[in-house]
C-alpha atoms as a PDB file:
ATOM      1  CA  UNK A   1      81.195  94.825 101.002  1.00  0.00           C
ATOM      2  CA  UNK A   2      78.104  92.494 102.535  1.00  0.00           C
ATOM      3  CA  UNK A   3      78.059  95.297 105.354  1.00  0.00           C
ATOM      4  CA  UNK A   4      77.708  97.424 102.722  1.00  0.00           C
ATOM      5  CA  UNK A   5      74.583  95.637 101.816  1.00  0.00           C
ATOM      6  CA  UNK A   6      73.127  94.847 104.595  1.00  0.00           C
ATOM      7  CA  UNK A   7      72.789  99.049 104.898  1.00  0.00           C
ATOM      8  CA  UNK A   8      71.328  99.544 101.859  1.00  0.00           C
ATOM      9  CA  UNK A   9      68.471  96.272 102.573  1.00  0.00           C
ATOM     10  CA  UNK A  10      67.803  98.733 106.058  1.00  0.00           C
ATOM     11  CA  UNK A  11      67.534 101.482 103.660  1.00  0.00           C
ATOM     12  CA  UNK A  12      65.334  99.861 100.961  1.00  0.00           C
ATOM     13  CA  UNK A  13      63.102  98.384 103.781  1.00  0.00           C
ATOM     14  CA  UNK A  14      62.777 101.527 104.680  1.00  0.00           C
ATOM     15  CA  UNK A  15      62.090 103.610 101.831  1.00  0.00           C
ATOM     16  CA  UNK A  16      59.266 100.714 100.484  1.00  0.00           C
ATOM     17  CA  UNK A  17      57.685 100.786 104.080  1.00  0.00           C
ATOM     18  CA  UNK A  18      57.186 104.171 103.659  1.00  0.00           C
ATOM     19  CA  UNK A  19      55.529 104.156  99.811  1.00  0.00           C
ATOM     20  CA  UNK A  20      53.672 101.214 100.584  1.00  0.00           C
ATOM     21  CA  UNK A  21      51.955 103.125 103.361  1.00  0.00           C
ATOM     22  CA  UNK A  22      51.355 106.194 101.358  1.00  0.00           C
ATOM     23  CA  UNK A  23      50.232 104.501  98.271  1.00  0.00           C
ATOM     24  CA  UNK A  24      47.381 102.981 100.218  1.00  0.00           C
ATOM     25  CA  UNK A  25      46.596 106.929 100.919  1.00  0.00           C
ATOM     26  CA  UNK A  26      46.409 107.722  97.528  1.00  0.00           C
ATOM     27  CA  UNK A  27      43.144 106.815  96.716  1.00  0.00           C
ATOM     28  CA  UNK A  28      41.864 108.426  99.707  1.00  0.00           C
ATOM     29  CA  UNK A  29      42.568 111.891  98.862  1.00  0.00           C
ATOM     30  CA  UNK A  30      41.674 114.387  95.533  1.00  0.00           C
ATOM     31  CA  UNK A  31      43.107 117.327  94.106  1.00  0.00           C
ATOM     32  CA  UNK A  32      46.280 119.185  94.890  1.00  0.00           C
ATOM     33  CA  UNK A  33      47.130 117.003  98.359  1.00  0.00           C
ATOM     34  CA  UNK A  34      46.786 113.563  96.319  1.00  0.00           C
ATOM     35  CA  UNK A  35      48.670 115.357  93.440  1.00  0.00           C
ATOM     36  CA  UNK A  36      51.623 115.964  95.842  1.00  0.00           C
ATOM     37  CA  UNK A  37      51.128 112.805  97.737  1.00  0.00           C
ATOM     38  CA  UNK A  38      52.071 111.239  93.583  1.00  0.00           C
ATOM     39  CA  UNK A  39      54.457 113.359  92.958  1.00  0.00           C
ATOM     40  CA  UNK A  40      56.048 112.271  96.365  1.00  0.00           C
ATOM     41  CA  UNK A  41      56.155 108.747  95.868  1.00  0.00           C
ATOM     42  CA  UNK A  42      57.202 109.513  92.341  1.00  0.00           C
ATOM     43  CA  UNK A  43      60.129 111.060  93.724  1.00  0.00           C
ATOM     44  CA  UNK A  44      60.363 108.344  96.515  1.00  0.00           C
ATOM     45  CA  UNK A  45      60.288 105.221  93.836  1.00  0.00           C
ATOM     46  CA  UNK A  46      63.576 107.019  92.400  1.00  0.00           C
ATOM     47  CA  UNK A  47      65.540 106.714  94.980  1.00  0.00           C
ATOM     48  CA  UNK A  48      64.909 103.400  95.539  1.00  0.00           C
ATOM     49  CA  UNK A  49      65.359 102.330  91.658  1.00  0.00           C
ATOM     50  CA  UNK A  50      69.032 104.417  92.900  1.00  0.00           C
ATOM     51  CA  UNK A  51      69.116 102.153  95.509  1.00  0.00           C
ATOM     52  CA  UNK A  52      68.868  98.936  93.389  1.00  0.00           C
ATOM     53  CA  UNK A  53      71.569 100.532  91.229  1.00  0.00           C
ATOM     54  CA  UNK A  54      74.201 100.448  94.491  1.00  0.00           C
ATOM     55  CA  UNK A  55      72.286  96.859  95.869  1.00  0.00           C
ATOM     56  CA  UNK A  56      73.764  95.423  92.354  1.00  0.00           C
ATOM     57  CA  UNK A  57      77.182  96.621  92.376  1.00  0.00           C
ATOM     58  CA  UNK A  58      77.647  95.875  95.868  1.00  0.00           C
ATOM     59  CA  UNK A  59      76.681  92.051  94.720  1.00  0.00           C
ATOM     60  CA  UNK A  60      79.177  92.151  91.832  1.00  0.00           C
ATOM     61  CA  UNK A  61      82.165  93.385  94.105  1.00  0.00           C
ATOM     62  CA  UNK A  62      81.429  90.286  96.258  1.00  0.00           C
ATOM     63  CA  UNK A  63      83.392  87.016  96.126  1.00  0.00           C
ATOM     64  CA  UNK A  64      82.246  84.468  94.137  1.00  0.00           C
ATOM     65  CA  UNK A  65      81.394  81.951  96.640  1.00  0.00           C
ATOM     66  CA  UNK A  66      79.221  83.599  98.766  1.00  0.00           C
ATOM     67  CA  UNK A  67      77.477  85.720  95.381  1.00  0.00           C
ATOM     68  CA  UNK A  68      74.471  83.714  95.377  1.00  0.00           C
ATOM     69  CA  UNK A  69      73.137  84.289  98.694  1.00  0.00           C
ATOM     70  CA  UNK A  70      72.941  88.411  97.981  1.00  0.00           C
ATOM     71  CA  UNK A  71      71.677  87.650  94.075  1.00  0.00           C
ATOM     72  CA  UNK A  72      68.592  85.564  95.526  1.00  0.00           C
ATOM     73  CA  UNK A  73      67.982  88.390  98.028  1.00  0.00           C
ATOM     74  CA  UNK A  74      68.345  91.321  95.371  1.00  0.00           C
ATOM     75  CA  UNK A  75      66.017  89.785  92.537  1.00  0.00           C
ATOM     76  CA  UNK A  76      63.459  88.930  95.503  1.00  0.00           C
ATOM     77  CA  UNK A  77      64.176  92.713  96.308  1.00  0.00           C
ATOM     78  CA  UNK A  78      63.774  93.503  92.601  1.00  0.00           C
ATOM     79  CA  UNK A  79      60.125  91.686  92.215  1.00  0.00           C
ATOM     80  CA  UNK A  80      58.896  93.418  95.421  1.00  0.00           C
ATOM     81  CA  UNK A  81      60.195  97.089  93.594  1.00  0.00           C
ATOM     82  CA  UNK A  82      57.981  96.172  90.658  1.00  0.00           C
ATOM     83  CA  UNK A  83      54.883  95.429  92.469  1.00  0.00           C
ATOM     84  CA  UNK A  84      55.015  98.535  94.510  1.00  0.00           C
ATOM     85  CA  UNK A  85      55.585 100.616  90.977  1.00  0.00           C
ATOM     86  CA  UNK A  86      52.322  98.446  89.789  1.00  0.00           C
ATOM     87  CA  UNK A  87      50.620  99.344  92.653  1.00  0.00           C
ATOM     88  CA  UNK A  88      51.692 102.737  92.557  1.00  0.00           C
ATOM     89  CA  UNK A  89      50.151 102.805  88.713  1.00  0.00           C
ATOM     90  CA  UNK A  90      46.784 101.508  90.336  1.00  0.00           C
ATOM     91  CA  UNK A  91      46.426 103.969  92.759  1.00  0.00           C
ATOM     92  CA  UNK A  92      46.805 107.007  90.641  1.00  0.00           C
ATOM     93  CA  UNK A  93      43.554 106.674  89.289  1.00  0.00           C
ATOM     94  CA  UNK A  94      41.941 104.810  91.734  1.00  0.00           C
ATOM     95  CA  UNK A  95      39.536 106.595  93.991  1.00  0.00           C
ATOM     96  CA  UNK A  96      37.731 105.433  97.171  1.00  0.00           C
ATOM     97  CA  UNK A  97      33.960 106.166  97.438  1.00  0.00           C
ATOM     98  CA  UNK A  98      34.190 108.847  99.474  1.00  0.00           C
ATOM     99  CA  UNK A  99      36.091 111.115  97.304  1.00  0.00           C
ATOM    100  CA  UNK A 100      34.221 109.852  94.275  1.00  0.00           C
ATOM    101  CA  UNK A 101      30.715 111.272  96.586  1.00  0.00           C
ATOM    102  CA  UNK A 102      32.219 114.318  96.546  1.00  0.00           C
ATOM    103  CA  UNK A 103      33.744 115.217  93.097  1.00  0.00           C
ATOM    104  CA  UNK A 104      30.124 114.176  91.973  1.00  0.00           C
ATOM    105  CA  UNK A 105      28.031 115.734  94.432  1.00  0.00           C
ATOM    106  CA  UNK A 106      24.408 116.830  93.775  1.00  0.00           C
ATOM    107  CA  UNK A 107      25.868 120.947  93.261  1.00  0.00           C
ATOM    108  CA  UNK A 108      26.009 119.897  89.183  1.00  0.00           C
ATOM    109  CA  UNK A 109      28.487 123.385  88.376  1.00  0.00           C
ATOM    110  CA  UNK A 110      30.752 121.639  91.234  1.00  0.00           C
ATOM    111  CA  UNK A 111      30.422 118.275  90.061  1.00  0.00           C
ATOM    112  CA  UNK A 112      31.700 119.770  86.784  1.00  0.00           C
ATOM    113  CA  UNK A 113      34.583 121.985  87.793  1.00  0.00           C
ATOM    114  CA  UNK A 114      35.396 118.353  90.164  1.00  0.00           C
ATOM    115  CA  UNK A 115      35.795 116.106  86.759  1.00  0.00           C
ATOM    116  CA  UNK A 116      37.480 118.897  84.813  1.00  0.00           C
ATOM    117  CA  UNK A 117      40.437 119.048  87.845  1.00  0.00           C
ATOM    118  CA  UNK A 118      39.795 115.198  87.723  1.00  0.00           C
ATOM    119  CA  UNK A 119      40.644 114.935  83.878  1.00  0.00           C
ATOM    120  CA  UNK A 120      43.496 117.007  84.338  1.00  0.00           C
ATOM    121  CA  UNK A 121      44.948 115.452  86.903  1.00  0.00           C
ATOM    122  CA  UNK A 122      44.292 111.999  85.310  1.00  0.00           C
ATOM    123  CA  UNK A 123      46.486 113.870  82.504  1.00  0.00           C
ATOM    124  CA  UNK A 124      49.138 114.760  84.723  1.00  0.00           C
ATOM    125  CA  UNK A 125      49.780 110.843  86.278  1.00  0.00           C
ATOM    126  CA  UNK A 126      49.311 109.759  83.052  1.00  0.00           C
ATOM    127  CA  UNK A 127      52.996 112.107  82.038  1.00  0.00           C
ATOM    128  CA  UNK A 128      54.669 111.413  85.092  1.00  0.00           C
ATOM    129  CA  UNK A 129      53.430 107.883  84.383  1.00  0.00           C
ATOM    130  CA  UNK A 130      55.122 108.066  80.847  1.00  0.00           C
ATOM    131  CA  UNK A 131      58.327 109.423  82.261  1.00  0.00           C
ATOM    132  CA  UNK A 132      58.547 106.515  84.778  1.00  0.00           C
ATOM    133  CA  UNK A 133      58.640 104.713  82.179  1.00  0.00           C
ATOM    134  CA  UNK A 134      61.370 105.607  80.325  1.00  0.00           C
ATOM    135  CA  UNK A 135      63.285 106.017  83.694  1.00  0.00           C
ATOM    136  CA  UNK A 136      62.349 102.155  83.850  1.00  0.00           C
ATOM    137  CA  UNK A 137      63.753 101.689  80.283  1.00  0.00           C
ATOM    138  CA  UNK A 138      66.776 103.753  80.990  1.00  0.00           C
ATOM    139  CA  UNK A 139      67.517 101.823  84.125  1.00  0.00           C
ATOM    140  CA  UNK A 140      66.970  98.158  81.550  1.00  0.00           C
ATOM    141  CA  UNK A 141      68.633  99.709  78.999  1.00  0.00           C
ATOM    142  CA  UNK A 142      71.522 100.336  81.873  1.00  0.00           C
ATOM    143  CA  UNK A 143      71.495  97.191  83.813  1.00  0.00           C
ATOM    144  CA  UNK A 144      71.901  95.221  80.373  1.00  0.00           C
ATOM    145  CA  UNK A 145      75.219  97.222  79.917  1.00  0.00           C
ATOM    146  CA  UNK A 146      76.189  96.032  83.033  1.00  0.00           C
ATOM    147  CA  UNK A 147      75.469  92.545  82.108  1.00  0.00           C
ATOM    148  CA  UNK A 148      77.311  92.564  78.770  1.00  0.00           C
ATOM    149  CA  UNK A 149      79.904  94.048  80.871  1.00  0.00           C
ATOM    150  CA  UNK A 150      80.266  91.406  83.099  1.00  0.00           C
ATOM    151  CA  UNK A 151      79.950  88.538  80.695  1.00  0.00           C
ATOM    152  CA  UNK A 152      83.124  90.979  78.808  1.00  0.00           C
ATOM    153  CA  UNK A 153      84.874  90.717  82.142  1.00  0.00           C
ATOM    154  CA  UNK A 154      84.356  87.150  82.653  1.00  0.00           C
ATOM    155  CA  UNK A 155      85.652  86.129  78.999  1.00  0.00           C
ATOM    156  CA  UNK A 156      88.905  88.369  79.873  1.00  0.00           C
ATOM    157  CA  UNK A 157      89.423  86.284  83.270  1.00  0.00           C
ATOM    158  CA  UNK A 158      88.533  82.578  81.072  1.00  0.00           C
ATOM    159  CA  UNK A 159      90.986  84.392  78.716  1.00  0.00           C
ATOM    160  CA  UNK A 160      93.714  84.711  81.198  1.00  0.00           C
ATOM    161  CA  UNK A 161      93.196  81.949  83.151  1.00  0.00           C
ATOM    162  CA  UNK A 162      93.806  79.710  79.477  1.00  0.00           C
ATOM    163  CA  UNK A 163      96.934  81.824  79.374  1.00  0.00           C
ATOM    164  CA  UNK A 164      98.239  81.054  82.773  1.00  0.00           C
ATOM    165  CA  UNK A 165      97.482  77.649  82.206  1.00  0.00           C
ATOM    166  CA  UNK A 166      99.575  77.993  79.016  1.00  0.00           C
ATOM    167  CA  UNK A 167     102.418  79.327  81.011  1.00  0.00           C
ATOM    168  CA  UNK A 168     102.172  76.963  83.334  1.00  0.00           C
ATOM    169  CA  UNK A 169     102.729  74.141  81.096  1.00  0.00           C
ATOM    170  CA  UNK A 170     105.369  76.316  79.111  1.00  0.00           C
ATOM    171  CA  UNK A 171     107.141  76.379  83.001  1.00  0.00           C
ATOM    172  CA  UNK A 172     106.744  72.431  83.053  1.00  0.00           C
ATOM    173  CA  UNK A 173     108.198  71.635  79.403  1.00  0.00           C
ATOM    174  CA  UNK A 174     111.384  74.488  80.770  1.00  0.00           C
ATOM    175  CA  UNK A 175     111.270  72.301  84.225  1.00  0.00           C
ATOM    176  CA  UNK A 176     111.681  69.161  81.930  1.00  0.00           C
ATOM    177  CA  UNK A 177     114.571  70.931  79.480  1.00  0.00           C
ATOM    178  CA  UNK A 178     116.540  72.129  82.197  1.00  0.00           C
ATOM    179  CA  UNK A 179     116.479  68.343  83.801  1.00  0.00           C
ATOM    180  CA  UNK A 180     117.882  66.962  80.737  1.00  0.00           C
ATOM    181  CA  UNK A 181     120.347  69.588  80.033  1.00  0.00           C
ATOM    182  CA  UNK A 182     121.499  68.719  83.371  1.00  0.00           C
ATOM    183  CA  UNK A 183     121.372  64.866  82.613  1.00  0.00           C
ATOM    184  CA  UNK A 184     123.134  65.962  79.325  1.00  0.00           C
ATOM    185  CA  UNK A 185     125.822  67.801  80.964  1.00  0.00           C
ATOM    186  CA  UNK A 186     126.440  64.992  83.452  1.00  0.00           C
ATOM    187  CA  UNK A 187     127.166  63.056  81.433  1.00  0.00           C
ATOM    188  CA  UNK A 188     128.809  65.047  78.582  1.00  0.00           C
ATOM    189  CA  UNK A 189     131.309  65.552  81.766  1.00  0.00           C
ATOM    190  CA  UNK A 190     131.703  61.731  82.271  1.00  0.00           C
ATOM    191  CA  UNK A 191     132.826  61.138  78.355  1.00  0.00           C
ATOM    192  CA  UNK A 192     135.258  64.167  78.471  1.00  0.00           C
ATOM    193  CA  UNK A 193     136.676  62.923  82.106  1.00  0.00           C
ATOM    194  CA  UNK A 194     136.617  59.860  80.158  1.00  0.00           C
ATOM    195  CA  UNK A 195     138.595  61.548  77.077  1.00  0.00           C
ATOM    196  CA  UNK A 196     141.557  63.012  79.292  1.00  0.00           C
ATOM    197  CA  UNK A 197     141.832  59.249  81.372  1.00  0.00           C
ATOM    198  CA  UNK A 198     142.435  57.585  78.144  1.00  0.00           C
ATOM    199  CA  UNK A 199     145.046  60.240  76.465  1.00  0.00           C
ATOM    200  CA  UNK A 200     147.274  60.520  79.865  1.00  0.00           C
ATOM    201  CA  UNK A 201     146.522  56.736  79.723  1.00  0.00           C
ATOM    202  CA  UNK A 202     148.208  56.264  75.978  1.00  0.00           C
ATOM    203  CA  UNK A 203     150.731  59.537  76.833  1.00  0.00           C
ATOM    204  CA  UNK A 204     152.251  56.910  80.070  1.00  0.00           C
ATOM    205  CA  UNK A 205     151.791  53.986  77.130  1.00  0.00           C
ATOM    206  CA  UNK A 206     153.783  55.649  74.379  1.00  0.00           C
ATOM    207  CA  UNK A 207     156.562  57.072  77.305  1.00  0.00           C
ATOM    208  CA  UNK A 208     156.909  53.357  79.060  1.00  0.00           C
ATOM    209  CA  UNK A 209     156.953  52.267  75.011  1.00  0.00           C
ATOM    210  CA  UNK A 210     159.759  54.615  74.136  1.00  0.00           C
ATOM    211  CA  UNK A 211     161.870  54.759  76.808  1.00  0.00           C
ATOM    212  CA  UNK A 212     161.908  50.306  77.070  1.00  0.00           C
ATOM    213  CA  UNK A 213     162.872  51.093  72.975  1.00  0.00           C
ATOM    214  CA  UNK A 214     166.177  53.392  74.298  1.00  0.00           C
ATOM    215  CA  UNK A 215     166.854  51.538  76.896  1.00  0.00           C
ATOM    216  CA  UNK A 216     166.771  48.219  75.100  1.00  0.00           C
ATOM    217  CA  UNK A 217     169.042  50.165  72.092  1.00  0.00           C
ATOM    218  CA  UNK A 218     171.300  51.254  74.738  1.00  0.00           C
ATOM    219  CA  UNK A 219     172.379  48.604  76.624  1.00  0.00           C
ATOM    220  CA  UNK A 220     172.716  46.645  72.769  1.00  0.00           C
ATOM    221  CA  UNK A 221     175.404  49.108  72.151  1.00  0.00           C
ATOM    222  CA  UNK A 222     176.675  48.925  75.287  1.00  0.00           C
ATOM    223  CA  UNK A 223     177.376  44.533  73.934  1.00  0.00           C
ATOM    224  CA  UNK A 224     178.580  45.501  71.658  1.00  0.00           C
END
């Protein structure tokens, strides 16, 4: 699982490096060229969000004793992602001095046309911003559901652990009861053996007494 996470890390590094480079270029562009680059960066940011979701899922599959290190790394990547999104928002409404001068040149008609295009582009960018924010909210909602699911899973594991302890205690009591039953069985066996021995002894004693009486009567009769 950690190897998959590291592969996602490499992909994350490549994507964010490309996005950072493009964000730096956006203010230097104008018109359709800027719009296309903004759309391209927006698409790549969506790929990064999906990648973050995969990384989050991978972290949850890592054994708990090793999970802390990967959670810290994931938190750092999320912070980097938030910074990229903020930089992207600023870059969409920023213009370099060269582009600003080009849009606001001496030709009044051309300037007015460029300003109209600028307003249209700004409206388009704001629309994209709203879409991005909605996507971010959906991502946050999905993450919250995942967190709640993990909490439920932890509660289930805790209950299973408690049930396991109860079963173990029941087994211990059964072993103790079995030992007591074995001891009682040995005591009863000994008592039964002594009862049998006593009965045999009584029988032998009774037979001896009876034989003595018979012999006494016999010799007494014979003497007369």
